Protein backbone atom coordinates (compact mmCIF):
# COMPACT_ATOMS: atom_id res chain seq x y z
CA MET A 1 7.51 -43.15 47.69
CA GLN A 2 6.32 -41.70 50.98
CA LYS A 3 3.15 -39.68 51.29
CA SER A 4 5.13 -36.57 52.21
CA ASP A 5 7.13 -36.86 48.97
CA ILE A 6 3.93 -37.22 46.96
CA ASP A 7 2.41 -34.18 48.63
CA SER A 8 5.59 -32.20 47.98
CA THR A 9 5.62 -33.17 44.30
CA THR A 10 1.93 -32.31 43.90
CA SER A 11 2.50 -28.96 45.55
CA ASN A 12 5.42 -28.18 43.22
CA LEU A 13 3.36 -29.08 40.16
CA GLN A 14 0.50 -26.87 41.30
CA THR A 15 2.94 -24.02 41.83
CA GLU A 16 4.40 -24.48 38.36
CA ASN A 17 0.94 -24.54 36.83
CA THR A 18 0.01 -21.40 38.72
CA VAL A 19 3.08 -19.64 37.34
CA GLN A 20 2.64 -21.01 33.81
CA GLU A 21 -1.02 -20.11 33.44
CA PRO A 22 -0.56 -16.32 33.38
CA ILE A 23 2.52 -16.73 31.17
CA LEU A 24 0.61 -18.82 28.65
CA SER A 25 -2.31 -16.44 28.87
CA SER A 26 0.00 -13.51 28.20
CA LEU A 27 1.62 -15.29 25.26
CA SER A 28 -1.78 -16.12 23.85
CA GLU A 29 -2.86 -12.51 24.11
CA GLU A 30 0.36 -11.35 22.44
CA MET A 31 -0.09 -13.83 19.62
CA SER A 32 -3.65 -12.72 19.05
CA VAL A 33 -2.51 -9.12 18.97
CA GLU A 34 0.36 -9.89 16.62
CA SER A 35 -1.59 -12.12 14.24
CA GLY A 36 -5.29 -11.84 14.70
CA LEU A 37 -5.53 -8.15 14.94
CA LYS A 38 -5.23 -7.00 12.43
CA LEU A 39 -4.95 -9.32 9.49
CA ASP A 40 -8.27 -11.11 9.50
CA GLN A 41 -9.68 -12.64 6.33
CA SER A 42 -11.62 -9.51 5.44
CA GLU A 43 -8.54 -7.29 5.67
CA ILE A 44 -6.43 -9.72 3.64
CA SER A 45 -9.09 -9.76 0.90
CA ARG A 46 -9.30 -5.98 0.98
CA LYS A 47 -5.55 -5.55 0.54
CA PHE A 48 -5.45 -8.14 -2.22
CA LEU A 49 -8.10 -6.21 -4.17
CA HIS A 50 -6.28 -2.97 -3.42
CA MET A 51 -2.99 -4.26 -4.80
CA LEU A 52 -4.46 -5.98 -7.84
CA PRO A 53 -4.54 -2.84 -10.07
CA GLY A 54 -0.80 -2.51 -9.48
CA VAL A 55 -0.28 -5.28 -12.04
CA ALA A 56 -1.95 -3.28 -14.85
CA PRO A 57 0.89 -0.75 -15.41
CA PHE A 58 3.36 -3.56 -16.02
CA LEU A 59 0.99 -5.13 -18.55
CA LEU A 60 0.62 -1.74 -20.23
CA ALA A 61 4.40 -1.36 -20.42
CA VAL A 62 4.78 -4.59 -22.41
CA THR A 63 1.77 -3.87 -24.65
CA PRO A 64 2.70 -2.09 -27.89
CA HIS A 65 1.51 1.53 -27.96
CA GLY A 66 2.82 4.87 -29.11
CA PRO A 67 4.62 7.46 -26.96
CA THR A 68 1.36 9.41 -26.69
CA MET A 69 -1.81 7.78 -25.42
CA LEU A 70 -4.36 8.02 -28.23
CA ALA A 71 -8.12 8.19 -27.74
CA LYS A 72 -8.47 4.44 -28.25
CA ASP A 73 -5.75 3.80 -25.66
CA LEU A 74 -7.50 6.03 -23.16
CA VAL A 75 -10.76 4.19 -23.75
CA VAL A 76 -9.10 0.83 -23.07
CA VAL A 77 -7.44 2.11 -19.90
CA SER A 78 -10.73 3.65 -18.75
CA VAL A 79 -12.49 0.31 -19.22
CA VAL A 80 -9.78 -1.40 -17.17
CA ILE A 81 -10.22 1.17 -14.39
CA ILE A 82 -13.98 0.60 -14.41
CA ILE A 83 -13.47 -3.17 -14.19
CA PHE A 84 -11.18 -2.90 -11.18
CA THR A 85 -13.54 -0.45 -9.48
CA SER A 86 -16.54 -2.70 -10.13
CA LEU A 87 -14.63 -5.69 -8.78
CA PHE A 88 -13.98 -3.92 -5.49
CA LEU A 89 -17.61 -2.82 -5.24
CA PHE A 90 -18.77 -6.37 -5.99
CA PHE A 91 -16.92 -7.62 -2.91
CA ARG A 92 -17.87 -4.57 -0.85
CA LYS A 93 -19.68 -6.46 1.91
CA HIS A 94 -16.67 -8.74 2.38
CA VAL A 95 -14.07 -5.98 2.68
CA GLU A 96 -15.87 -3.07 4.29
CA ARG A 97 -14.55 -2.29 7.76
CA GLU A 98 -16.84 -1.99 10.73
CA GLY A 99 -18.13 1.55 11.02
CA GLU A 100 -16.53 2.63 7.75
CA THR A 101 -18.45 5.43 6.05
CA ASN A 102 -16.15 6.48 3.20
CA LEU A 103 -15.57 3.24 1.33
CA LEU A 104 -17.23 4.47 -1.85
CA SER A 105 -15.20 7.67 -1.98
CA THR A 106 -12.06 5.64 -1.28
CA VAL A 107 -12.79 3.29 -4.17
CA TYR A 108 -13.80 5.98 -6.65
CA THR A 109 -10.84 8.26 -5.94
CA TYR A 110 -8.46 5.37 -6.66
CA GLY A 111 -9.47 5.17 -10.30
CA ALA A 112 -10.27 8.87 -10.65
CA VAL A 113 -6.76 9.99 -9.69
CA VAL A 114 -5.11 7.52 -12.07
CA ALA A 115 -7.44 8.51 -14.92
CA ALA A 116 -6.88 12.23 -14.28
CA VAL A 117 -3.09 11.85 -14.39
CA LEU A 118 -3.31 9.79 -17.56
CA PHE A 119 -5.51 12.36 -19.31
CA LEU A 120 -3.40 15.32 -18.14
CA PHE A 121 -0.11 13.74 -19.20
CA ARG A 122 -1.02 11.76 -22.31
CA GLU A 123 2.59 11.90 -23.52
CA HIS A 124 3.85 10.47 -20.25
CA ALA A 125 1.87 7.35 -19.43
CA GLU A 126 4.66 6.48 -17.00
CA PHE A 127 3.32 9.12 -14.60
CA ALA A 128 -0.03 7.35 -14.28
CA SER A 129 1.75 4.00 -14.03
CA VAL A 130 3.84 5.24 -11.12
CA VAL A 131 0.79 6.65 -9.35
CA THR A 132 -1.07 3.35 -9.72
CA VAL A 133 1.82 1.28 -8.40
CA ILE A 134 2.39 3.57 -5.41
CA ILE A 135 -1.27 3.56 -4.39
CA ALA A 136 -1.49 -0.21 -4.87
CA PHE A 137 1.69 -1.34 -3.13
CA GLY A 138 2.76 1.59 -0.96
CA ASP A 139 -0.53 2.13 0.81
CA SER A 140 -1.05 -1.61 1.35
CA ALA A 141 2.48 -2.13 2.67
CA ALA A 142 2.14 0.82 5.04
CA HIS A 143 -1.11 -0.55 6.44
CA ILE A 144 0.14 -4.10 6.93
CA GLY A 145 3.60 -3.15 8.22
CA GLY A 146 2.20 -0.48 10.50
CA LYS A 147 -0.45 -2.73 11.99
CA LEU A 148 1.90 -5.64 12.63
CA PHE A 149 5.10 -3.87 13.64
CA GLY A 150 4.33 -0.18 14.05
CA LYS A 151 4.88 0.40 17.75
CA THR A 152 6.41 3.87 17.44
CA LYS A 153 3.77 6.31 16.26
CA LEU A 154 4.29 9.47 14.26
CA PRO A 155 4.38 12.72 16.30
CA TRP A 156 1.94 14.38 13.91
CA ASN A 157 -0.42 11.41 13.51
CA PRO A 158 -0.87 8.81 16.27
CA ASP A 159 -2.75 6.52 13.88
CA LYS A 160 0.35 6.10 11.70
CA SER A 161 3.81 4.72 12.52
CA TRP A 162 7.41 5.05 11.40
CA MET A 163 7.38 1.39 10.40
CA GLY A 164 4.37 2.02 8.20
CA MET A 165 6.21 4.84 6.42
CA PHE A 166 9.30 2.67 6.01
CA CYS A 167 7.24 -0.16 4.51
CA PHE A 168 5.46 2.28 2.20
CA ILE A 169 8.71 3.44 0.61
CA LEU A 170 10.39 0.04 0.72
CA PHE A 171 7.65 -1.68 -1.26
CA SER A 172 6.56 1.15 -3.57
CA ALA A 173 9.76 2.92 -4.66
CA PRO A 174 11.40 -0.06 -6.44
CA PHE A 175 8.21 -0.94 -8.33
CA ALA A 176 7.61 2.72 -9.17
CA ALA A 177 11.12 3.10 -10.57
CA LEU A 178 10.83 -0.15 -12.53
CA VAL A 179 7.48 0.64 -14.13
CA PHE A 180 8.65 4.19 -14.93
CA TYR A 181 11.68 2.82 -16.76
CA MET A 182 9.69 0.09 -18.55
CA GLU A 183 7.08 2.55 -19.78
CA SER A 184 9.44 5.36 -20.80
CA ARG A 185 12.41 3.46 -22.24
CA PRO A 186 14.51 3.94 -24.30
CA SER A 187 14.24 7.72 -23.91
CA THR A 188 14.77 7.64 -20.12
CA SER A 189 17.83 6.47 -18.22
CA ILE A 190 17.57 4.06 -15.32
CA GLN A 191 19.04 6.74 -13.05
CA LEU A 192 16.24 9.16 -13.84
CA ALA A 193 13.66 6.41 -13.40
CA ILE A 194 15.03 5.62 -9.94
CA VAL A 195 14.99 9.27 -8.86
CA CYS A 196 11.46 9.83 -10.17
CA GLY A 197 10.16 6.63 -8.61
CA LEU A 198 11.76 7.38 -5.25
CA THR A 199 10.60 11.01 -5.23
CA ALA A 200 7.03 10.00 -6.04
CA SER A 201 7.13 7.31 -3.36
CA ILE A 202 8.37 9.69 -0.66
CA ALA A 203 5.79 12.31 -1.64
CA GLY A 204 3.01 9.74 -1.50
CA CYS A 205 4.28 8.42 1.82
CA LEU A 206 4.27 11.87 3.43
CA ALA A 207 0.78 12.55 2.10
CA GLU A 208 -0.45 9.21 3.45
CA SER A 209 0.84 10.07 6.92
CA ILE A 210 -1.18 13.30 7.20
CA ASN A 211 -4.12 13.24 9.59
CA THR A 212 -7.02 14.42 7.46
CA THR A 213 -10.48 13.35 6.35
CA LEU A 214 -9.42 13.09 2.71
CA THR A 215 -9.11 9.51 1.50
CA ASP A 216 -5.68 7.90 1.40
CA ASN A 217 -6.02 7.17 -2.31
CA LEU A 218 -6.68 10.80 -3.14
CA ARG A 219 -3.83 12.13 -0.98
CA VAL A 220 -1.32 9.55 -2.12
CA GLY A 221 -2.34 9.79 -5.76
CA VAL A 222 -2.11 13.57 -6.01
CA ALA A 223 1.15 13.77 -4.05
CA SER A 224 2.88 10.99 -5.98
CA ALA A 225 1.72 12.47 -9.29
CA ALA A 226 3.19 15.83 -8.31
CA GLY A 227 6.39 14.13 -7.15
CA VAL A 228 6.99 12.15 -10.33
CA ALA A 229 6.06 15.03 -12.67
CA ILE A 230 8.15 17.67 -10.91
CA SER A 231 11.21 15.44 -10.58
CA PHE A 232 11.00 14.36 -14.22
CA PHE A 233 10.64 17.82 -15.74
CA ALA A 234 13.32 19.22 -13.41
CA LEU A 235 15.88 16.52 -14.18
CA GLN A 236 15.15 15.24 -17.69
CA GLY A 237 17.73 17.54 -19.25
CA ILE A 238 20.37 16.42 -16.75
CA MET A 239 19.77 12.70 -16.29
CA ALA A 240 17.93 11.66 -19.47
């Protein structure tokens, strides 16, 4: 091979490397944005702890108890709420976000809303079950889906996205309907359970998208409780 051919080949390789470097750099940056962002180990642990209480309503549904929550039942549920709250606080330093100032209020309102709904509607434990499931799975799904895929932001809240809202309803409504039916059967039809679960999910989703200083757990919990209660009492005579 002649020297001129070698020089030409070397020049071509250098040109290719020059072109590839910014491309690879760009791809690396995109990958870090798509993966690293946003789902570091701390955030994964936080969402795992946040979703964990969502299992409790399904355990309650398969545990024998009367149609009305008695004092002893409320005590047991209260202890479970305290355990989950203490667990989150135990891992506080591992899950607290940088600059976060409202972690304690976020944690406490989670259990407080569920307990309040349970005490207010002792004859309808399914309401509290739905609220728990929606906070656990809906809020977590909205955060993860919004962070990873939420490019189009909401007009009324630039920190939230349409994808986040979609994920909220997609992952909370089916579980909400299922736990409602499991807890209230055989007196409730599957159709009513679906409507109540979906209504509560949409209400919670809209509340979660509001730009306010109130914690997500409080907003979502109150809105989903109102959604499931209103839809049930409005439709029980029609779809029961």
